[in-house]
Amino acid sequence: MAQIYGRVALIGLGLIASSMFWAMKRAGVAGEVTGYARTSETRDVAREIGLCDRVCESAAEAVEGADLVVLCVPVGAMGAVAAEIAPVLKAGATVSDVGSVKGAVIAAVGPHLPEGVHFVPAHPLAGTEHSGPRSGFAELFDNRWCLIVPQAGSDRVAVERLERFWQALGSHTDEMDAEHHDLVLAVTSHAPHLIAYTMVGVADDLRRVTDSEVIKYSAAGFRDFTRIAASDPTMWRDVFLNNKQATLEILGRFTEELFALQRAIRTGDGAHLHAYFTRTRAIRRGIIEAGQDTDAPDFGRGRKT
């Protein structure tokens, strides 16, 4: 495939950045990839495993001369990183990100970027419960969606170039405005993560069920909760603090639905429960038909560890 960017800089070298690097190498879309991570330990690991063509000792060094800069740090750290790199950004460069929240990132990053630098936020909807530079793999984005979030006045050439880049990494792409993105993700990702964290916390607090029983007798549903709840704590703390409005709106709706199901159970309203479960089952079928999961019943046994 033809090169899309001469130099790409990855700031933050966790799961997403490392997967981006391997996917870029597979597709041949970047001439050189530089990288920077906050801790020397992570930078050492990156060098050891050959992650990035050049691992730098500062974010400013990594972005110098880069045509595309991707912020792969927790949402709460993006503003500070943008302020640090702003003075050395190349004229005409594109700055993007991979954050799970868009409104707060735009507010934090945008004001720091100089004239002549294109800011095109993005969010690849891909991940695993693993984190760190060793966790990445080239296939992470294959057949997944990457949402591109242009702003009013965004340079269309820069936007379309970034879309081609993500498509080359294996993703489908779509454009969405920031407010709608944050509401959609509150439904599909943020609230489900909070519910998973809560259910695992309930199991931990319910002392009538011992730790060994929770581990030994965990059914597939609880195992899925624990897999989600194993996700990076810093990243998810920042997601909830930076997408308050949409997450609280969805949690309010969730609470209403939960109360209705509690009432149906209490009153023995089997018809309500059956109708509700039939409707929700159709959502699962839609996800499978869209190619975003498989209906193969592995009961948690076939997953990568």
Protein backbone atom coordinates (compact mmCIF):
# COMPACT_ATOMS: atom_id res chain seq x y z
CA MET A 1 0.00 0.00 0.00
CA ALA A 2 1.19 3.55 -0.70
CA GLN A 3 2.66 5.66 2.08
CA ILE A 4 0.12 8.10 3.58
CA TYR A 5 2.33 9.95 6.09
CA GLY A 6 6.10 10.40 5.92
CA ARG A 7 6.47 10.44 9.71
CA VAL A 8 3.98 9.48 12.41
CA ALA A 9 4.53 10.24 16.11
CA LEU A 10 2.80 8.17 18.78
CA ILE A 11 2.60 9.83 22.20
CA GLY A 12 1.86 7.15 24.79
CA LEU A 13 2.87 3.56 24.02
CA GLY A 14 0.12 1.32 25.36
CA LEU A 15 -2.21 -1.16 23.67
CA ILE A 16 -3.63 1.20 21.03
CA ALA A 17 -0.35 2.87 20.07
CA SER A 18 1.54 -0.41 19.87
CA SER A 19 -1.23 -1.95 17.76
CA MET A 20 -1.16 1.13 15.51
CA PHE A 21 2.58 0.69 15.02
CA TRP A 22 2.32 -2.98 14.03
CA ALA A 23 -0.68 -2.23 11.78
CA MET A 24 1.22 0.64 10.12
CA LYS A 25 4.16 -1.65 9.45
CA ARG A 26 1.85 -4.32 8.03
CA ALA A 27 0.23 -1.77 5.69
CA GLY A 28 3.35 0.24 4.81
CA VAL A 29 1.55 3.58 5.27
CA ALA A 30 4.21 5.44 7.29
CA GLY A 31 7.81 6.17 6.38
CA GLU A 32 9.04 6.48 9.98
CA VAL A 33 7.24 6.04 13.30
CA THR A 34 8.56 7.81 16.39
CA GLY A 35 7.26 7.21 19.88
CA TYR A 36 7.36 8.56 23.39
CA ALA A 37 6.10 7.21 26.72
CA ARG A 38 6.12 9.00 30.07
CA THR A 39 8.09 6.39 32.00
CA SER A 40 11.60 5.24 31.19
CA GLU A 41 10.48 1.65 31.89
CA THR A 42 7.91 1.79 29.08
CA ARG A 43 10.41 3.40 26.73
CA ASP A 44 12.91 0.63 27.52
CA VAL A 45 10.32 -2.07 26.81
CA ALA A 46 9.40 -0.37 23.54
CA ARG A 47 13.04 -0.38 22.43
CA GLU A 48 13.45 -4.00 23.52
CA ILE A 49 10.52 -5.24 21.42
CA GLY A 50 11.19 -2.98 18.43
CA LEU A 51 8.11 -0.85 19.00
CA CYS A 52 8.56 2.31 16.89
CA ASP A 53 11.46 3.04 14.56
CA ARG A 54 12.75 5.57 17.09
CA VAL A 55 11.79 5.92 20.76
CA CYS A 56 12.42 9.47 21.98
CA GLU A 57 13.16 10.93 25.41
CA SER A 58 10.50 13.65 25.22
CA ALA A 59 7.17 14.22 23.51
CA ALA A 60 8.56 17.33 21.83
CA GLU A 61 11.43 15.34 20.31
CA ALA A 62 9.02 12.67 19.05
CA VAL A 63 6.69 15.10 17.25
CA GLU A 64 9.38 17.22 15.60
CA GLY A 65 8.93 16.93 11.83
CA ALA A 66 5.95 14.56 12.16
CA ASP A 67 3.16 14.72 9.57
CA LEU A 68 0.72 12.96 11.92
CA VAL A 69 0.81 13.12 15.72
CA VAL A 70 -1.49 10.74 17.60
CA LEU A 71 -2.14 11.33 21.30
CA CYS A 72 -2.51 7.88 22.89
CA VAL A 73 -2.46 9.00 26.53
CA PRO A 74 -5.35 8.96 29.04
CA VAL A 75 -7.99 11.60 28.31
CA GLY A 76 -7.07 13.60 31.42
CA ALA A 77 -3.45 14.01 30.26
CA MET A 78 -4.10 15.19 26.70
CA GLY A 79 -4.27 18.92 27.41
CA ALA A 80 -0.87 18.95 29.11
CA VAL A 81 0.71 16.93 26.29
CA ALA A 82 -0.77 19.28 23.68
CA ALA A 83 0.71 22.28 25.49
CA GLU A 84 4.11 20.59 25.58
CA ILE A 85 4.27 19.68 21.90
CA ALA A 86 2.59 22.78 20.43
CA PRO A 87 5.77 24.88 19.96
CA VAL A 88 7.52 22.23 17.83
CA LEU A 89 4.65 20.98 15.66
CA LYS A 90 5.36 21.07 11.95
CA ALA A 91 3.26 23.50 9.87
CA GLY A 92 0.57 21.51 8.05
CA ALA A 93 0.80 18.56 10.43
CA THR A 94 -2.31 16.74 11.65
CA VAL A 95 -2.83 16.15 15.37
CA SER A 96 -5.26 13.39 16.29
CA ASP A 97 -6.01 11.19 19.30
CA VAL A 98 -7.58 7.86 20.24
CA GLY A 99 -9.57 8.99 23.27
CA SER A 100 -12.90 7.43 24.22
CA VAL A 101 -14.33 10.91 24.94
CA LYS A 102 -14.36 13.66 22.35
CA GLY A 103 -15.97 16.84 23.75
CA ALA A 104 -13.55 17.13 26.67
CA VAL A 105 -10.53 16.27 24.50
CA ILE A 106 -11.42 18.94 21.95
CA ALA A 107 -11.78 21.50 24.75
CA ALA A 108 -8.46 20.47 26.33
CA VAL A 109 -6.31 20.08 23.21
CA GLY A 110 -7.70 22.52 20.64
CA PRO A 111 -6.70 25.82 22.32
CA HIS A 112 -3.03 24.80 22.48
CA LEU A 113 -2.57 24.01 18.79
CA PRO A 114 -1.08 26.71 16.55
CA GLU A 115 -2.53 28.05 13.31
CA GLY A 116 -1.67 25.85 10.37
CA VAL A 117 -1.87 22.60 12.34
CA HIS A 118 -4.96 20.45 11.65
CA PHE A 119 -6.73 18.92 14.65
CA VAL A 120 -8.79 15.88 13.67
CA PRO A 121 -9.95 13.90 16.74
CA ALA A 122 -10.61 10.18 16.28
CA HIS A 123 -11.63 7.13 18.29
CA PRO A 124 -10.86 3.55 17.22
CA LEU A 125 -13.54 1.30 18.73
CA ALA A 126 -11.17 -1.54 19.47
CA GLY A 127 -9.37 -2.84 22.51
CA THR A 128 -8.79 -5.67 24.92
CA GLU A 129 -8.54 -5.77 28.71
CA HIS A 130 -4.75 -5.81 28.40
CA SER A 131 -2.58 -2.70 28.49
CA GLY A 132 1.04 -1.72 27.99
CA PRO A 133 3.43 -1.80 25.02
CA ARG A 134 3.64 -5.60 24.85
CA SER A 135 -0.14 -5.98 24.46
CA GLY A 136 -0.44 -4.58 20.93
CA PHE A 137 -0.98 -6.58 17.73
CA ALA A 138 -1.49 -5.57 14.09
CA GLU A 139 -4.97 -7.12 13.74
CA LEU A 140 -6.61 -5.16 16.59
CA PHE A 141 -8.43 -2.75 14.24
CA ASP A 142 -9.43 -5.24 11.54
CA ASN A 143 -13.15 -4.97 10.75
CA ARG A 144 -13.67 -2.56 13.68
CA TRP A 145 -14.89 1.02 13.44
CA CYS A 146 -12.87 4.17 13.88
CA LEU A 147 -14.98 7.28 14.42
CA ILE A 148 -13.53 10.49 12.97
CA VAL A 149 -14.76 13.67 14.69
CA PRO A 150 -14.05 16.73 12.50
CA GLN A 151 -14.86 20.17 13.84
CA ALA A 152 -16.42 23.15 12.12
CA GLY A 153 -13.91 24.40 9.61
CA SER A 154 -11.76 21.25 9.66
CA ASP A 155 -9.56 20.90 6.60
CA ARG A 156 -11.25 18.26 4.44
CA VAL A 157 -7.99 17.08 2.91
CA ALA A 158 -6.59 16.40 6.40
CA VAL A 159 -9.80 14.65 7.47
CA GLU A 160 -9.92 12.40 4.42
CA ARG A 161 -6.22 11.59 4.70
CA LEU A 162 -6.73 10.45 8.31
CA GLU A 163 -9.71 8.34 7.22
CA ARG A 164 -7.58 6.63 4.55
CA PHE A 165 -4.92 6.01 7.22
CA TRP A 166 -7.36 4.27 9.57
CA GLN A 167 -8.86 2.27 6.71
CA ALA A 168 -5.33 1.10 5.83
CA LEU A 169 -4.95 -0.08 9.45
CA GLY A 170 -8.00 -2.33 8.92
CA SER A 171 -10.82 -0.13 10.25
CA HIS A 172 -14.11 0.97 8.82
CA THR A 173 -14.50 4.72 9.32
CA ASP A 174 -17.41 7.02 9.95
CA GLU A 175 -17.72 10.70 10.83
CA MET A 176 -19.64 11.95 13.84
CA ASP A 177 -19.91 15.17 15.82
CA ALA A 178 -18.40 15.24 19.31
CA GLU A 179 -21.61 15.53 21.33
CA HIS A 180 -23.28 12.64 19.53
CA HIS A 181 -20.09 10.55 19.79
CA ASP A 182 -20.02 10.99 23.56
CA LEU A 183 -23.67 9.95 23.91
CA VAL A 184 -23.26 6.89 21.66
CA LEU A 185 -20.16 5.78 23.58
CA ALA A 186 -21.91 6.31 26.91
CA VAL A 187 -24.45 3.70 25.72
CA THR A 188 -22.09 1.23 24.02
CA SER A 189 -19.01 1.46 26.24
CA HIS A 190 -18.91 3.81 29.22
CA ALA A 191 -22.07 2.80 31.10
CA PRO A 192 -21.48 -0.95 30.46
CA HIS A 193 -17.97 -0.61 31.91
CA LEU A 194 -19.33 1.14 35.01
CA ILE A 195 -21.97 -1.57 35.43
CA ALA A 196 -19.29 -4.27 35.09
CA TYR A 197 -17.08 -2.56 37.67
CA THR A 198 -20.11 -2.32 39.97
CA MET A 199 -21.10 -5.99 39.64
CA VAL A 200 -17.56 -7.16 40.36
CA GLY A 201 -17.50 -4.77 43.32
CA VAL A 202 -20.80 -6.20 44.59
CA ALA A 203 -19.35 -9.72 44.46
CA ASP A 204 -16.35 -8.48 46.42
CA ASP A 205 -18.55 -6.78 49.04
CA LEU A 206 -21.04 -9.62 49.47
CA ARG A 207 -19.20 -11.57 52.14
CA ARG A 208 -21.75 -14.38 52.10
CA VAL A 209 -20.14 -15.35 48.78
CA THR A 210 -16.49 -16.04 49.45
CA ASP A 211 -13.66 -14.98 47.12
CA SER A 212 -12.90 -18.61 46.30
CA GLU A 213 -16.55 -19.25 45.32
CA VAL A 214 -16.63 -16.17 43.08
CA ILE A 215 -13.50 -17.39 41.31
CA LYS A 216 -14.34 -21.10 41.24
CA TYR A 217 -17.99 -20.91 40.24
CA SER A 218 -17.96 -17.84 38.00
CA ALA A 219 -20.44 -18.29 35.16
CA ALA A 220 -19.85 -16.84 31.69
CA GLY A 221 -21.76 -13.63 32.45
CA PHE A 222 -19.68 -12.84 35.53
CA ARG A 223 -16.45 -13.76 33.68
CA ASP A 224 -17.35 -11.19 31.01
CA PHE A 225 -17.85 -8.59 33.75
CA THR A 226 -14.45 -9.37 35.28
CA ARG A 227 -12.77 -9.14 31.87
CA ILE A 228 -14.23 -5.66 31.35
CA ALA A 229 -13.43 -4.66 34.93
CA ALA A 230 -9.77 -5.59 34.37
CA SER A 231 -9.37 -2.61 32.01
CA ASP A 232 -6.87 0.16 32.73
CA PRO A 233 -8.04 2.08 35.86
CA THR A 234 -6.44 5.42 34.91
CA MET A 235 -8.01 5.44 31.46
CA TRP A 236 -11.48 4.64 32.78
CA ARG A 237 -11.29 7.12 35.67
CA ASP A 238 -10.56 9.82 33.09
CA VAL A 239 -13.34 8.65 30.76
CA PHE A 240 -16.01 9.00 33.43
CA LEU A 241 -14.73 12.34 34.73
CA ASN A 242 -14.64 13.72 31.18
CA ASN A 243 -17.95 12.35 29.89
CA LYS A 244 -20.09 13.12 32.93
CA GLN A 245 -23.22 14.45 31.25
CA ALA A 246 -23.77 11.65 28.74
CA THR A 247 -22.78 8.88 31.16
CA LEU A 248 -25.09 10.19 33.91
CA GLU A 249 -27.95 10.48 31.39
CA ILE A 250 -27.54 6.85 30.32
CA LEU A 251 -27.12 5.64 33.91
CA GLY A 252 -30.37 7.43 34.78
CA ARG A 253 -32.15 5.56 31.97
CA PHE A 254 -30.49 2.31 33.10
CA THR A 255 -31.74 2.84 36.65
CA GLU A 256 -35.31 3.35 35.39
CA GLU A 257 -35.14 0.13 33.36
CA LEU A 258 -33.66 -1.75 36.31
CA PHE A 259 -36.48 -0.59 38.60
CA ALA A 260 -39.03 -1.79 36.02
CA LEU A 261 -37.38 -5.23 35.89
CA GLN A 262 -37.24 -5.36 39.70
CA ARG A 263 -40.96 -4.65 39.80
CA ALA A 264 -41.66 -7.37 37.20
CA ILE A 265 -39.69 -9.92 39.24
CA ARG A 266 -41.35 -8.86 42.49
CA THR A 267 -44.88 -9.05 41.02
CA GLY A 268 -44.24 -12.21 39.01
CA ASP A 269 -44.82 -10.43 35.68
CA GLY A 270 -43.33 -13.10 33.42
CA ALA A 271 -44.83 -11.55 30.27
CA HIS A 272 -42.90 -8.29 30.86
CA LEU A 273 -39.64 -10.15 31.45
CA HIS A 274 -40.09 -12.37 28.38
CA ALA A 275 -40.94 -9.42 26.11
CA TYR A 276 -37.98 -7.41 27.42
CA PHE A 277 -35.49 -10.27 26.97
CA THR A 278 -36.85 -10.98 23.46
CA ARG A 279 -36.29 -7.34 22.46
CA THR A 280 -32.77 -7.22 23.87
CA ARG A 281 -31.86 -10.54 22.26
CA ALA A 282 -32.47 -8.93 18.87
CA ILE A 283 -29.71 -6.39 19.59
CA ARG A 284 -27.23 -9.25 19.95
CA ARG A 285 -28.36 -10.69 16.62
CA GLY A 286 -27.80 -7.29 15.02
CA ILE A 287 -24.24 -7.11 16.34
CA ILE A 288 -23.46 -10.56 14.91
CA GLU A 289 -25.05 -9.71 11.54
CA ALA A 290 -22.94 -6.51 11.40
CA GLY A 291 -19.80 -8.66 11.66
CA GLN A 292 -18.81 -7.19 15.03
CA ASP A 293 -18.86 -10.51 16.90
CA THR A 294 -19.50 -14.21 16.39
CA ASP A 295 -22.34 -16.37 17.65
CA ALA A 296 -19.97 -19.28 18.32
CA PRO A 297 -20.66 -20.43 21.91
CA ASP A 298 -17.17 -20.56 23.44
CA PHE A 299 -18.35 -19.81 27.02
CA GLY A 300 -15.17 -17.88 27.65
CA ARG A 301 -12.86 -20.80 26.78
CA GLY A 302 -11.71 -19.65 23.35
CA ARG A 303 -10.59 -16.14 24.20
CA LYS A 304 -7.01 -14.98 24.14
CA THR A 305 -5.55 -14.56 27.58
